[in-house]
Amino acid sequence: MYYSHPCSYCNKVFYTFNESKFDAAKTLYASIKQHLIDYDEDHKEYDFDDGPSIDTNEVYAAMRESKDRPAGGYEV
C-alpha cells in the first residue's frame, strides 16, 4: 500500500510503499523532518516540533492510503 503525507511547510507530497501503516508513518515523519532541516524550513513551522513519537502518531492519523502511487509525489 502507498502512504502519503504533505510537508507541513511547503506542501510537497512525500510517499512510501509499505505493508505496515505505522512503519510508513515513521518513514514519512523522518523524511519530512529531514526535508525541513535540509531546506532550512524547520524553524519556520511548528507541526513537527512535538517529538518523534507524538509527530509520528499525528502523521499516522493524517496520512493518505492508496493502492496507486501518488502522482507528482516524492518517494522516500
N, C-alpha and C. Protein backbone atom coordinates (compact mmCIF):
# COMPACT_ATOMS: atom_id res chain seq x y z
N MET A 1 0.84 -1.16 0.00
CA MET A 1 0.00 0.00 0.00
C MET A 1 0.90 1.24 0.00
N TYR A 2 0.47 2.26 -0.71
CA TYR A 2 1.18 3.54 -0.72
C TYR A 2 0.57 4.45 0.35
N TYR A 3 1.44 5.12 1.06
CA TYR A 3 1.02 6.07 2.08
C TYR A 3 1.67 7.41 1.77
N SER A 4 0.93 8.49 1.91
CA SER A 4 1.48 9.80 1.59
C SER A 4 1.07 10.84 2.62
N HIS A 5 1.90 11.89 2.68
CA HIS A 5 1.64 12.99 3.61
C HIS A 5 2.38 14.21 3.06
N PRO A 6 1.75 15.38 3.09
CA PRO A 6 2.43 16.59 2.60
C PRO A 6 3.39 17.17 3.63
N CYS A 7 4.40 17.86 3.15
CA CYS A 7 5.29 18.63 4.03
C CYS A 7 4.44 19.68 4.73
N SER A 8 4.69 19.86 6.00
CA SER A 8 3.91 20.81 6.79
C SER A 8 4.22 22.27 6.47
N TYR A 9 5.29 22.50 5.71
CA TYR A 9 5.64 23.88 5.36
C TYR A 9 5.41 24.18 3.88
N CYS A 10 5.96 23.34 2.99
CA CYS A 10 5.88 23.66 1.55
C CYS A 10 4.81 22.87 0.81
N ASN A 11 4.17 21.91 1.47
CA ASN A 11 3.09 21.08 0.92
C ASN A 11 3.51 20.11 -0.17
N LYS A 12 4.82 19.87 -0.37
CA LYS A 12 5.26 18.81 -1.28
C LYS A 12 4.76 17.49 -0.69
N VAL A 13 4.28 16.61 -1.56
CA VAL A 13 3.75 15.34 -1.09
C VAL A 13 4.87 14.29 -1.09
N PHE A 14 5.06 13.65 0.05
CA PHE A 14 6.02 12.57 0.19
C PHE A 14 5.23 11.27 0.33
N TYR A 15 5.75 10.19 -0.27
CA TYR A 15 5.05 8.92 -0.16
C TYR A 15 6.04 7.77 -0.01
N THR A 16 5.52 6.68 0.51
CA THR A 16 6.30 5.47 0.68
C THR A 16 5.39 4.28 0.45
N PHE A 17 5.98 3.18 0.04
CA PHE A 17 5.24 1.92 -0.11
C PHE A 17 5.64 1.04 1.06
N ASN A 18 4.63 0.54 1.80
CA ASN A 18 4.92 -0.26 2.96
C ASN A 18 3.72 -1.14 3.29
N GLU A 19 3.98 -2.29 3.86
CA GLU A 19 2.90 -3.17 4.30
C GLU A 19 2.35 -2.74 5.65
N SER A 20 3.17 -2.07 6.43
CA SER A 20 2.77 -1.62 7.77
C SER A 20 2.47 -0.13 7.76
N LYS A 21 1.26 0.23 8.16
CA LYS A 21 0.88 1.64 8.19
C LYS A 21 1.72 2.41 9.21
N PHE A 22 2.02 1.81 10.36
CA PHE A 22 2.81 2.50 11.36
C PHE A 22 4.25 2.70 10.89
N ASP A 23 4.83 1.69 10.24
CA ASP A 23 6.19 1.84 9.69
C ASP A 23 6.21 2.92 8.62
N ALA A 24 5.15 3.00 7.84
CA ALA A 24 5.06 4.05 6.81
C ALA A 24 5.01 5.42 7.47
N ALA A 25 4.28 5.55 8.57
CA ALA A 25 4.20 6.83 9.29
C ALA A 25 5.56 7.23 9.82
N LYS A 26 6.33 6.28 10.36
CA LYS A 26 7.67 6.57 10.86
C LYS A 26 8.58 7.04 9.73
N THR A 27 8.49 6.37 8.59
CA THR A 27 9.31 6.74 7.43
C THR A 27 8.93 8.13 6.93
N LEU A 28 7.66 8.39 6.81
CA LEU A 28 7.21 9.70 6.33
C LEU A 28 7.60 10.81 7.29
N TYR A 29 7.41 10.59 8.58
CA TYR A 29 7.80 11.61 9.56
C TYR A 29 9.29 11.92 9.45
N ALA A 30 10.12 10.88 9.47
CA ALA A 30 11.58 11.07 9.42
C ALA A 30 12.00 11.77 8.13
N SER A 31 11.40 11.42 7.02
CA SER A 31 11.75 12.01 5.73
C SER A 31 11.33 13.47 5.64
N ILE A 32 10.14 13.77 6.10
CA ILE A 32 9.66 15.16 6.05
C ILE A 32 10.45 16.02 7.03
N LYS A 33 10.74 15.50 8.21
CA LYS A 33 11.53 16.25 9.18
C LYS A 33 12.92 16.56 8.61
N GLN A 34 13.55 15.57 7.97
CA GLN A 34 14.86 15.78 7.36
C GLN A 34 14.78 16.79 6.22
N HIS A 35 13.72 16.72 5.44
CA HIS A 35 13.48 17.68 4.36
C HIS A 35 13.41 19.10 4.92
N LEU A 36 12.68 19.28 6.03
CA LEU A 36 12.57 20.60 6.65
C LEU A 36 13.94 21.10 7.12
N ILE A 37 14.73 20.22 7.67
CA ILE A 37 16.07 20.59 8.13
C ILE A 37 16.97 20.93 6.95
N ASP A 38 16.96 20.08 5.92
CA ASP A 38 17.83 20.28 4.75
C ASP A 38 17.56 21.59 4.03
N TYR A 39 16.30 21.98 3.99
CA TYR A 39 15.93 23.20 3.27
C TYR A 39 15.78 24.40 4.20
N ASP A 40 16.26 24.27 5.42
CA ASP A 40 16.25 25.34 6.41
C ASP A 40 14.84 25.90 6.63
N GLU A 41 13.87 24.99 6.69
CA GLU A 41 12.48 25.38 6.90
C GLU A 41 11.97 24.91 8.27
N ASP A 42 12.79 24.14 8.98
CA ASP A 42 12.33 23.54 10.23
C ASP A 42 11.94 24.59 11.27
N HIS A 43 12.64 25.68 11.31
CA HIS A 43 12.33 26.73 12.29
C HIS A 43 11.12 27.58 11.88
N LYS A 44 10.62 27.38 10.64
CA LYS A 44 9.50 28.17 10.14
C LYS A 44 8.15 27.52 10.38
N GLU A 45 8.15 26.26 10.77
CA GLU A 45 6.89 25.57 11.00
C GLU A 45 6.91 24.91 12.37
N TYR A 46 5.73 24.57 12.89
CA TYR A 46 5.64 24.06 14.24
C TYR A 46 4.89 22.73 14.34
N ASP A 47 4.46 22.17 13.23
CA ASP A 47 3.71 20.91 13.25
C ASP A 47 4.60 19.72 13.63
N PHE A 48 5.88 19.79 13.34
CA PHE A 48 6.78 18.68 13.58
C PHE A 48 7.75 18.99 14.72
N ASP A 49 7.28 19.64 15.76
CA ASP A 49 8.13 20.03 16.88
C ASP A 49 7.75 19.36 18.20
N ASP A 50 6.88 18.38 18.17
CA ASP A 50 6.43 17.74 19.40
C ASP A 50 7.25 16.51 19.78
N GLY A 51 8.19 16.11 18.93
CA GLY A 51 9.00 14.92 19.16
C GLY A 51 8.57 13.79 18.26
N PRO A 52 9.49 12.87 17.99
CA PRO A 52 9.21 11.78 17.03
C PRO A 52 7.99 10.93 17.36
N SER A 53 7.78 10.59 18.61
CA SER A 53 6.66 9.73 18.97
C SER A 53 5.32 10.40 18.70
N ILE A 54 5.15 11.60 19.18
CA ILE A 54 3.89 12.32 19.00
C ILE A 54 3.67 12.66 17.54
N ASP A 55 4.71 13.16 16.88
CA ASP A 55 4.57 13.56 15.48
C ASP A 55 4.32 12.36 14.56
N THR A 56 4.94 11.22 14.86
CA THR A 56 4.68 10.02 14.07
C THR A 56 3.22 9.63 14.18
N ASN A 57 2.65 9.71 15.38
CA ASN A 57 1.23 9.39 15.56
C ASN A 57 0.33 10.39 14.83
N GLU A 58 0.74 11.65 14.77
CA GLU A 58 -0.04 12.65 14.02
C GLU A 58 0.01 12.36 12.52
N VAL A 59 1.19 11.98 12.02
CA VAL A 59 1.31 11.61 10.61
C VAL A 59 0.45 10.38 10.34
N TYR A 60 0.50 9.41 11.23
CA TYR A 60 -0.29 8.18 11.10
C TYR A 60 -1.78 8.51 10.93
N ALA A 61 -2.27 9.42 11.74
CA ALA A 61 -3.69 9.78 11.70
C ALA A 61 -4.07 10.57 10.46
N ALA A 62 -3.12 11.33 9.90
CA ALA A 62 -3.45 12.23 8.81
C ALA A 62 -3.03 11.75 7.42
N MET A 63 -2.16 10.75 7.34
CA MET A 63 -1.66 10.36 6.02
C MET A 63 -2.73 9.68 5.18
N ARG A 64 -2.53 9.72 3.88
CA ARG A 64 -3.48 9.11 2.95
C ARG A 64 -2.96 7.74 2.52
N GLU A 65 -3.89 6.87 2.23
CA GLU A 65 -3.58 5.50 1.85
C GLU A 65 -4.14 5.25 0.46
N SER A 66 -3.36 4.58 -0.40
CA SER A 66 -3.80 4.34 -1.77
C SER A 66 -3.14 3.09 -2.33
N LYS A 67 -3.84 2.41 -3.21
CA LYS A 67 -3.26 1.27 -3.91
C LYS A 67 -2.36 1.73 -5.05
N ASP A 68 -2.55 2.97 -5.48
CA ASP A 68 -1.77 3.53 -6.59
C ASP A 68 -0.77 4.56 -6.08
N ARG A 69 0.35 4.65 -6.79
CA ARG A 69 1.38 5.63 -6.46
C ARG A 69 0.82 7.04 -6.62
N PRO A 70 1.02 7.91 -5.63
CA PRO A 70 0.53 9.29 -5.75
C PRO A 70 1.23 10.03 -6.90
N ALA A 71 0.47 10.68 -7.72
CA ALA A 71 1.04 11.42 -8.86
C ALA A 71 1.77 12.67 -8.37
N GLY A 72 2.95 12.87 -8.85
CA GLY A 72 3.69 14.09 -8.52
C GLY A 72 4.33 14.12 -7.15
N GLY A 73 4.30 13.00 -6.44
CA GLY A 73 4.88 12.97 -5.12
C GLY A 73 6.36 12.59 -5.15
N TYR A 74 7.00 12.70 -4.00
CA TYR A 74 8.40 12.36 -3.84
C TYR A 74 8.50 11.06 -3.05
N GLU A 75 9.07 10.02 -3.66
CA GLU A 75 9.18 8.73 -2.99
C GLU A 75 10.29 8.74 -1.95
N VAL A 76 10.01 8.19 -0.78
CA VAL A 76 11.02 8.08 0.29
C VAL A 76 11.14 6.65 0.73
